[in-house]
């Protein structure tokens, strides 16, 4: 989000306007077997078909599914079997049994920048995304959003990696997802990672609010990193624990849990169990020596860590998303206005993961203010700052930088992603 990005923001806005004009075509369910090099786009699927899936792929490869709507409470959105290199992005999954269900796939599954609303279930379905016995490199579940309406459906695990694994060099990624809602299942929850011995997995920078019985779980497995996630839940009749590693029933069933290869670090958790008792972390003695560092329990977070309207991250805008599919979930292009001093002394700045970072060439005074003049952040005599915007509402802000040789302001429209 630097000065030079203003031009690119305009280009991205033009792309989004063009995408809004794309027409959608309604289709009955489709099924493909042995298909390669296919693009499926700008379609609405709402009538169930093969295996109860709106779109069913078996023994397929190099398929792109983009800018489609899947909506049928009795159907799985997309089911993929024994396939590889399937890329799904910019799609809306609204009121489906399960969003994406992949079995026995062998790499290159990319579920990126999609919007999910109201997973219906029930168990054994009820996932936003599930991998079942999927292996190999290039598997990604990144930058998706889920908004689950309280009392609608019976979701299970929002993301479930069952008997699945990446590789040591390229683990399965579950990154940058934002989910709100879950329950009332007493077994389901947020991110189920090490299920039935799954391994080689990274889960980072996810935000989960009220996801169900648990927030993030690794009951067994090895070579996993659970880092920099934010997990919150109020007390419900089904809530148990925010983040846990190791489950004795998995070990008894014969699945290994190699604690010294599992890292849990930098996570913020605030979780109340069903009796309203704080229960942020649990590390089972059945999985000893978990690498545990820099985690925050009873973190100063609330449900407001997610905005009222969930939007896809601005990192998704380079995909030429169709906003007539995503509606309010479409990412917001940020408007930027800079006024530089006469000597054109540039301030280098950006916002990444809600952290505003800025540097300049000389010692300066810095103020972050609302447009009504209220000062939110202030520091003097430094060449750089890092200010968290995590708890600020959407709106327009002003960064003011003053030094002997410059007087600069940067006005920006901030949307929490």
Protein backbone atom coordinates (compact mmCIF):
# COMPACT_ATOMS: atom_id res chain seq x y z
CA UNK A 1 0.00 0.00 0.00
CA UNK A 2 2.75 2.41 -0.95
CA UNK A 3 2.51 5.69 -2.85
CA UNK A 4 3.16 4.03 -6.17
CA UNK A 5 0.26 1.66 -5.51
CA UNK A 6 -2.26 4.43 -6.24
CA UNK A 7 -1.94 3.78 -9.96
CA UNK A 8 -2.30 0.04 -9.46
CA UNK A 9 -5.34 0.57 -7.23
CA UNK A 10 -6.99 2.44 -10.11
CA UNK A 11 -6.16 -0.41 -12.48
CA UNK A 12 -7.54 -2.94 -10.02
CA UNK A 13 -10.71 -0.93 -9.62
CA UNK A 14 -11.15 -0.95 -13.42
CA UNK A 15 -10.65 -4.71 -13.42
CA UNK A 16 -13.28 -5.15 -10.74
CA UNK A 17 -15.74 -2.97 -12.65
CA UNK A 18 -15.13 -5.08 -15.73
CA UNK A 19 -15.62 -8.23 -13.68
CA UNK A 20 -18.97 -6.94 -12.43
CA UNK A 21 -20.19 -6.92 -16.04
CA UNK A 22 -19.45 -10.61 -16.58
CA UNK A 23 -22.63 -12.62 -17.05
CA UNK A 24 -23.45 -15.76 -15.08
CA UNK A 25 -25.03 -18.84 -16.62
CA UNK A 26 -27.16 -21.28 -14.60
CA UNK A 27 -26.26 -24.95 -15.04
CA UNK A 28 -27.38 -28.28 -13.71
CA UNK A 29 -24.72 -30.31 -11.92
CA UNK A 30 -21.68 -31.34 -13.94
CA UNK A 31 -19.48 -34.42 -13.73
CA UNK A 32 -16.11 -34.93 -15.42
CA UNK A 33 -13.92 -38.01 -15.55
CA UNK A 34 -10.38 -38.00 -16.93
CA UNK A 35 -10.64 -34.38 -18.01
CA UNK A 36 -7.56 -32.14 -18.30
CA UNK A 37 -6.86 -28.49 -19.11
CA UNK A 38 -10.36 -27.14 -18.49
CA UNK A 39 -11.66 -23.80 -17.19
CA UNK A 40 -15.09 -23.65 -15.56
CA UNK A 41 -16.14 -20.06 -14.88
CA UNK A 42 -19.06 -17.66 -14.38
CA UNK A 43 -21.58 -20.43 -13.70
CA UNK A 44 -24.34 -20.89 -11.12
CA UNK A 45 -24.80 -24.47 -9.87
CA UNK A 46 -27.92 -25.12 -7.80
CA UNK A 47 -29.19 -28.58 -8.82
CA UNK A 48 -27.49 -31.66 -7.33
CA UNK A 49 -26.06 -34.47 -9.41
CA UNK A 50 -23.38 -37.18 -9.35
CA UNK A 51 -22.55 -38.34 -5.81
CA UNK A 52 -24.71 -35.51 -4.51
CA UNK A 53 -22.20 -32.90 -5.72
CA UNK A 54 -22.95 -29.87 -7.84
CA UNK A 55 -19.58 -30.33 -9.57
CA UNK A 56 -17.86 -33.73 -9.47
CA UNK A 57 -14.34 -34.38 -10.78
CA UNK A 58 -12.66 -37.77 -10.87
CA UNK A 59 -9.22 -38.56 -12.32
CA UNK A 60 -8.93 -35.01 -13.58
CA UNK A 61 -5.96 -32.65 -13.72
CA UNK A 62 -5.15 -29.04 -14.50
CA UNK A 63 -8.69 -27.75 -13.94
CA UNK A 64 -9.52 -24.15 -12.99
CA UNK A 65 -12.85 -23.33 -11.35
CA UNK A 66 -13.37 -19.61 -10.87
CA UNK A 67 -16.11 -17.05 -10.31
CA UNK A 68 -18.88 -19.63 -9.83
CA UNK A 69 -21.77 -19.89 -7.36
CA UNK A 70 -22.66 -23.17 -5.65
CA UNK A 71 -25.96 -23.16 -3.76
CA UNK A 72 -27.95 -26.24 -2.74
CA UNK A 73 -28.42 -27.33 0.88
CA UNK A 74 -28.63 -31.03 -0.06
CA UNK A 75 -25.43 -31.05 -2.14
CA UNK A 76 -21.67 -30.82 -1.82
CA UNK A 77 -20.42 -27.82 -3.75
CA UNK A 78 -17.36 -29.40 -5.41
CA UNK A 79 -16.24 -33.01 -4.92
CA UNK A 80 -12.83 -34.04 -6.25
CA UNK A 81 -11.54 -37.61 -6.36
CA UNK A 82 -8.14 -38.98 -7.43
CA UNK A 83 -7.21 -35.75 -9.16
CA UNK A 84 -4.40 -33.20 -9.12
CA UNK A 85 -3.72 -29.55 -9.94
CA UNK A 86 -7.24 -28.27 -9.30
CA UNK A 87 -7.43 -24.50 -8.76
CA UNK A 88 -10.59 -23.04 -7.18
CA UNK A 89 -10.86 -19.30 -6.59
CA UNK A 90 -13.33 -16.44 -6.55
CA UNK A 91 -16.29 -18.77 -5.94
CA UNK A 92 -19.24 -18.42 -3.59
CA UNK A 93 -20.46 -21.48 -1.68
CA UNK A 94 -23.81 -20.58 -0.14
CA UNK A 95 -25.85 -23.05 1.94
CA UNK A 96 -24.20 -26.29 0.79
CA UNK A 97 -23.67 -29.56 2.70
CA UNK A 98 -19.91 -29.15 2.32
CA UNK A 99 -18.02 -26.59 0.29
CA UNK A 100 -15.09 -28.54 -1.21
CA UNK A 101 -14.51 -32.23 -0.49
CA UNK A 102 -11.32 -33.79 -1.93
CA UNK A 103 -10.42 -37.48 -1.61
CA UNK A 104 -7.27 -39.38 -2.66
CA UNK A 105 -5.84 -36.43 -4.55
CA UNK A 106 -2.14 -36.15 -5.27
CA UNK A 107 -1.13 -32.51 -5.10
CA UNK A 108 -1.81 -29.09 -6.47
CA UNK A 109 -5.19 -28.57 -4.79
CA UNK A 110 -5.55 -24.80 -4.40
CA UNK A 111 -8.66 -23.42 -2.69
CA UNK A 112 -7.87 -19.71 -2.57
CA UNK A 113 -9.90 -16.50 -2.21
CA UNK A 114 -13.37 -18.04 -1.97
CA UNK A 115 -16.40 -17.01 0.09
CA UNK A 116 -18.37 -19.57 2.08
CA UNK A 117 -21.68 -18.91 3.79
CA UNK A 118 -23.75 -21.26 5.96
CA UNK A 119 -22.34 -24.78 5.71
CA UNK A 120 -25.33 -27.06 6.28
CA UNK A 121 -23.88 -30.51 7.08
CA UNK A 122 -24.63 -32.69 8.96
CA UNK A 123 -21.73 -34.96 9.91
CA UNK A 124 -19.89 -36.66 8.25
CA UNK A 125 -20.21 -33.68 5.90
CA UNK A 126 -20.36 -30.12 7.13
CA UNK A 127 -16.92 -28.75 6.23
CA UNK A 128 -15.93 -25.57 4.48
CA UNK A 129 -13.06 -27.64 3.00
CA UNK A 130 -12.03 -31.22 3.70
CA UNK A 131 -9.03 -33.17 2.41
CA UNK A 132 -9.44 -36.93 2.87
CA UNK A 133 -6.29 -39.00 2.17
CA UNK A 134 -4.83 -36.28 -0.03
CA UNK A 135 -1.06 -36.06 -0.36
CA UNK A 136 1.73 -34.29 -2.21
CA UNK A 137 3.05 -30.80 -2.80
CA UNK A 138 1.17 -27.66 -3.75
CA UNK A 139 -1.91 -28.14 -1.56
CA UNK A 140 -3.35 -24.83 -0.34
CA UNK A 141 -6.40 -23.63 1.60
CA UNK A 142 -5.64 -19.92 1.76
CA UNK A 143 -7.36 -16.53 2.03
CA UNK A 144 -10.92 -17.85 2.20
CA UNK A 145 -13.75 -16.46 4.32
CA UNK A 146 -16.66 -18.19 6.02
CA UNK A 147 -19.65 -16.52 7.67
CA UNK A 148 -21.85 -19.07 9.44
CA UNK A 149 -25.22 -17.78 10.63
CA UNK A 150 -25.99 -18.78 14.22
CA UNK A 151 -28.60 -21.54 14.30
CA UNK A 152 -28.32 -22.38 10.60
CA UNK A 153 -27.14 -25.86 9.61
CA UNK A 154 -24.88 -28.25 11.50
CA UNK A 155 -21.26 -27.60 10.45
CA UNK A 156 -18.59 -29.99 11.68
CA UNK A 157 -14.88 -29.08 11.24
CA UNK A 158 -14.64 -25.95 9.15
CA UNK A 159 -11.34 -27.17 7.68
CA UNK A 160 -10.49 -30.85 8.08
CA UNK A 161 -7.27 -32.53 6.94
CA UNK A 162 -8.06 -36.21 7.43
CA UNK A 163 -5.19 -38.66 6.84
CA UNK A 164 -3.65 -36.07 4.54
CA UNK A 165 -0.15 -34.68 4.14
CA UNK A 166 2.03 -32.34 2.19
CA UNK A 167 5.74 -32.91 1.80
CA UNK A 168 8.62 -31.85 4.02
CA UNK A 169 9.65 -29.27 1.42
CA UNK A 170 6.10 -28.12 0.66
CA UNK A 171 3.59 -28.70 3.49
CA UNK A 172 -0.14 -28.27 3.14
CA UNK A 173 -0.88 -24.58 3.74
CA UNK A 174 -3.90 -23.36 5.68
CA UNK A 175 -3.22 -19.64 5.75
CA UNK A 176 -4.99 -16.29 5.93
CA UNK A 177 -8.50 -17.69 6.32
CA UNK A 178 -11.17 -15.81 8.28
CA UNK A 179 -14.12 -17.70 9.75
CA UNK A 180 -17.01 -16.67 11.94
CA UNK A 181 -19.46 -19.12 13.45
CA UNK A 182 -19.76 -22.86 14.05
CA UNK A 183 -21.49 -25.34 16.32
CA UNK A 184 -23.61 -26.78 17.78
CA UNK A 185 -21.68 -30.00 17.11
CA UNK A 186 -19.88 -31.23 20.23
CA UNK A 187 -17.11 -32.73 18.09
CA UNK A 188 -16.63 -30.14 15.34
CA UNK A 189 -14.79 -26.85 15.36
CA UNK A 190 -12.35 -24.72 13.43
CA UNK A 191 -9.15 -26.11 11.89
CA UNK A 192 -8.65 -29.87 12.34
CA UNK A 193 -5.05 -30.40 11.24
CA UNK A 194 -3.44 -33.62 12.47
CA UNK A 195 -6.47 -35.87 12.05
CA UNK A 196 -5.69 -39.61 11.81
CA UNK A 197 -1.96 -39.00 11.54
CA UNK A 198 -1.95 -36.12 9.04
CA UNK A 199 1.46 -34.45 8.74
CA UNK A 200 3.56 -31.81 6.97
CA UNK A 201 1.12 -28.96 7.53
CA UNK A 202 1.39 -25.22 8.16
CA UNK A 203 -1.53 -23.25 9.65
CA UNK A 204 -0.75 -19.55 10.01
CA UNK A 205 -2.39 -16.14 10.16
CA UNK A 206 -5.92 -17.50 10.37
CA UNK A 207 -8.65 -15.68 12.33
CA UNK A 208 -11.44 -17.72 13.90
CA UNK A 209 -14.40 -16.39 15.87
CA UNK A 210 -16.82 -18.75 17.67
CA UNK A 211 -15.89 -21.71 15.42
CA UNK A 212 -17.40 -24.51 17.53
CA UNK A 213 -16.19 -27.03 20.11
CA UNK A 214 -12.53 -26.12 19.53
CA UNK A 215 -10.55 -23.54 17.60
CA UNK A 216 -7.44 -25.26 16.18
CA UNK A 217 -6.59 -28.92 16.77
CA UNK A 218 -3.79 -31.38 16.03
CA UNK A 219 -4.82 -34.61 17.81
CA UNK A 220 -1.96 -36.52 16.14
CA UNK A 221 0.64 -36.11 13.42
CA UNK A 222 4.07 -34.60 12.94
CA UNK A 223 5.97 -31.83 11.15
CA UNK A 224 3.32 -29.20 11.76
CA UNK A 225 3.54 -25.47 12.43
CA UNK A 226 0.63 -23.63 14.04
CA UNK A 227 1.72 -20.01 14.10
CA UNK A 228 0.35 -16.48 14.39
CA UNK A 229 -3.31 -17.45 14.47
CA UNK A 230 -6.00 -15.50 16.33
CA UNK A 231 -8.77 -17.54 17.99
CA UNK A 232 -11.72 -16.28 20.01
CA UNK A 233 -14.88 -17.84 21.40
CA UNK A 234 -17.48 -16.84 23.91
CA UNK A 235 -19.04 -19.58 26.04
CA UNK A 236 -21.60 -21.81 24.34
CA UNK A 237 -23.12 -25.15 25.34
CA UNK A 238 -20.62 -26.93 23.06
CA UNK A 239 -17.35 -24.99 23.53
CA UNK A 240 -14.31 -26.75 24.99
CA UNK A 241 -10.79 -25.53 24.14
CA UNK A 242 -9.18 -22.91 21.94
CA UNK A 243 -6.08 -24.76 20.69
CA UNK A 244 -4.91 -28.26 21.51
CA UNK A 245 -2.23 -30.75 20.48
CA UNK A 246 -2.52 -34.48 21.16
CA UNK A 247 -5.54 -36.64 21.88
CA UNK A 248 -5.20 -39.93 23.72
CA UNK A 249 -7.88 -41.67 21.63
CA UNK A 250 -5.84 -40.98 18.47
CA UNK A 251 -2.68 -42.38 20.05
CA UNK A 252 -4.57 -45.44 21.28
CA UNK A 253 -5.88 -45.93 17.73
CA UNK A 254 -2.26 -46.16 16.53
CA UNK A 255 -1.63 -42.70 15.11
CA UNK A 256 1.70 -41.12 16.02
CA UNK A 257 1.97 -37.69 17.60
CA UNK A 258 5.59 -36.54 17.44
CA UNK A 259 5.60 -33.50 19.67
CA UNK A 260 9.13 -32.27 19.03
CA UNK A 261 8.25 -31.76 15.34
CA UNK A 262 5.13 -29.71 16.14
CA UNK A 263 5.57 -25.98 16.69
CA UNK A 264 2.90 -23.80 18.30
CA UNK A 265 4.00 -20.17 18.37
CA UNK A 266 2.76 -16.60 18.21
CA UNK A 267 -0.91 -17.50 18.59
CA UNK A 268 -3.44 -15.28 20.38
CA UNK A 269 -6.30 -17.16 22.04
CA UNK A 270 -9.22 -16.08 24.20
CA UNK A 271 -11.56 -19.02 24.72
CA UNK A 272 -14.33 -19.79 27.21
CA UNK A 273 -15.57 -23.35 27.61
CA UNK A 274 -19.19 -24.35 28.13
CA UNK A 275 -18.99 -23.56 31.86
CA UNK A 276 -17.60 -20.09 31.05
CA UNK A 277 -14.12 -21.05 32.30
CA UNK A 278 -11.04 -19.82 30.42
CA UNK A 279 -9.60 -22.75 28.44
CA UNK A 280 -7.17 -21.44 25.84
CA UNK A 281 -4.56 -24.21 25.35
CA UNK A 282 -4.25 -27.93 26.02
CA UNK A 283 -1.16 -30.05 25.42
CA UNK A 284 -1.76 -33.76 25.98
CA UNK A 285 0.90 -35.75 27.82
CA UNK A 286 0.36 -38.33 25.08
CA UNK A 287 2.22 -35.99 22.69
CA UNK A 288 5.22 -34.71 24.68
CA UNK A 289 7.81 -32.04 23.81
CA UNK A 290 5.65 -29.82 21.63
CA UNK A 291 7.65 -26.69 20.75
CA UNK A 292 5.64 -23.97 22.45
CA UNK A 293 6.70 -20.31 22.33
CA UNK A 294 5.33 -16.79 22.25
CA UNK A 295 1.66 -17.73 22.58
CA UNK A 296 -0.82 -15.47 24.37
CA UNK A 297 -3.65 -16.93 26.40
CA UNK A 298 -6.53 -14.83 27.66
CA UNK A 299 -5.60 -12.46 24.86
CA UNK A 300 -7.22 -9.03 24.74
CA UNK A 301 -9.44 -9.90 21.79
CA UNK A 302 -13.17 -10.14 21.23
CA UNK A 303 -15.50 -11.13 18.41
CA UNK A 304 -14.76 -7.71 16.91
CA UNK A 305 -11.46 -9.05 15.53
CA UNK A 306 -13.61 -9.72 12.47
CA UNK A 307 -15.64 -6.90 10.92
CA UNK A 308 -19.41 -7.06 10.57
CA UNK A 309 -19.09 -7.72 6.83
CA UNK A 310 -16.36 -10.16 5.88
CA UNK A 311 -14.43 -9.32 2.75
CA UNK A 312 -11.74 -11.22 0.93
CA UNK A 313 -8.24 -9.94 1.47
CA UNK A 314 -6.93 -7.30 -0.90
CA UNK A 315 -4.30 -9.87 -1.86
CA UNK A 316 -7.10 -11.52 -3.86
CA UNK A 317 -7.65 -8.55 -6.17
CA UNK A 318 -5.02 -9.72 -8.67
CA UNK A 319 -7.30 -12.66 -9.58
CA UNK A 320 -9.82 -10.55 -11.55
CA UNK A 321 -12.67 -11.59 -9.28
CA UNK A 322 -16.27 -11.33 -10.41
CA UNK A 323 -18.00 -9.14 -7.82
CA UNK A 324 -21.44 -10.17 -9.08
CA UNK A 325 -20.52 -13.59 -7.63
CA UNK A 326 -18.92 -12.44 -4.40
CA UNK A 327 -21.18 -9.43 -3.70
CA UNK A 328 -20.21 -7.80 -0.38
CA UNK A 329 -17.35 -10.29 0.05
CA UNK A 330 -15.50 -8.73 -2.88
CA UNK A 331 -12.27 -7.09 -1.67
CA UNK A 332 -12.22 -3.34 -1.32
CA UNK A 333 -9.64 -1.41 -3.31
CA UNK A 334 -8.06 1.08 -0.94
CA UNK A 335 -7.98 4.73 -1.93
CA UNK A 336 -4.72 6.52 -1.12
CA UNK A 337 -4.00 10.23 -1.06
CA UNK A 338 -0.52 11.59 -0.25
CA UNK A 339 0.57 15.18 0.08
CA UNK A 340 4.36 15.46 0.06
CA UNK A 341 6.57 18.33 1.13
CA UNK A 342 8.23 20.61 -1.41
CA UNK A 343 11.51 18.72 -1.25
CA UNK A 344 9.58 15.53 -2.13
CA UNK A 345 11.06 13.57 0.74
CA UNK A 346 9.31 10.23 0.28
CA UNK A 347 7.72 8.30 3.12
CA UNK A 348 7.88 4.56 2.45
CA UNK A 349 4.81 2.90 3.97
CA UNK A 350 2.53 -0.10 3.75
CA UNK A 351 -0.14 -2.01 5.66
CA UNK A 352 0.36 -5.76 6.02
CA UNK A 353 -1.81 -7.93 8.29
CA UNK A 354 -3.27 -4.77 9.86
CA UNK A 355 0.19 -3.42 10.81
CA UNK A 356 0.97 0.05 9.47
CA UNK A 357 4.72 0.32 8.84
CA UNK A 358 6.40 3.52 7.68
CA UNK A 359 9.93 4.88 7.34
CA UNK A 360 11.42 8.20 6.31
CA UNK A 361 14.90 9.63 5.75
CA UNK A 362 15.20 11.68 8.93
CA UNK A 363 14.03 11.73 12.52
CA UNK A 364 10.38 12.73 12.57
CA UNK A 365 7.27 13.10 14.69
CA UNK A 366 4.43 10.76 13.77
CA UNK A 367 0.69 10.96 14.41
CA UNK A 368 -2.08 8.63 13.35
CA UNK A 369 -5.41 10.44 13.52
CA UNK A 370 -9.07 10.16 12.63
CA UNK A 371 -10.41 12.73 10.23
CA UNK A 372 -12.16 14.44 13.17
CA UNK A 373 -8.74 15.20 14.64
CA UNK A 374 -8.58 12.54 17.37
CA UNK A 375 -5.03 11.24 17.79
CA UNK A 376 -4.83 7.43 17.98
CA UNK A 377 -1.07 6.99 17.94
CA UNK A 378 1.83 9.38 18.47
CA UNK A 379 5.60 9.02 18.69
CA UNK A 380 8.49 11.50 18.32
CA UNK A 381 12.07 11.47 17.15
CA UNK A 382 12.18 8.28 15.09
CA UNK A 383 12.67 7.36 11.45
CA UNK A 384 10.22 4.45 11.45
CA UNK A 385 7.04 3.23 13.11
CA UNK A 386 4.90 0.13 13.36
CA UNK A 387 1.32 0.72 14.50
CA UNK A 388 -1.37 -1.95 14.83
CA UNK A 389 -4.74 -1.11 13.23
CA UNK A 390 -6.26 -4.39 14.38
CA UNK A 391 -8.82 -2.88 16.77
CA UNK A 392 -9.78 0.12 14.63
CA UNK A 393 -13.08 0.20 12.72
CA UNK A 394 -13.24 0.58 8.95
CA UNK A 395 -12.82 4.19 7.93
CA UNK A 396 -10.56 6.96 6.69
CA UNK A 397 -7.42 7.77 8.68
CA UNK A 398 -4.58 10.26 8.44
CA UNK A 399 -0.88 9.60 9.04
CA UNK A 400 0.94 12.90 9.72
CA UNK A 401 4.75 13.07 9.57
CA UNK A 402 6.63 16.20 10.63
CA UNK A 403 10.36 16.95 10.65
CA UNK A 404 12.57 20.00 10.07
CA UNK A 405 12.54 19.35 6.31
CA UNK A 406 9.13 17.92 5.62
CA UNK A 407 5.44 18.11 6.48
CA UNK A 408 3.62 15.16 5.01
CA UNK A 409 0.20 13.63 5.40
CA UNK A 410 -1.07 10.31 4.05
CA UNK A 411 -4.83 9.80 3.99
CA UNK A 412 -6.01 6.22 3.55
CA UNK A 413 -9.24 4.25 3.64
CA UNK A 414 -8.64 1.28 5.92
CA UNK A 415 -10.74 -1.88 5.70
CA UNK A 416 -9.96 -4.67 8.15
CA UNK A 417 -9.22 -7.86 6.20
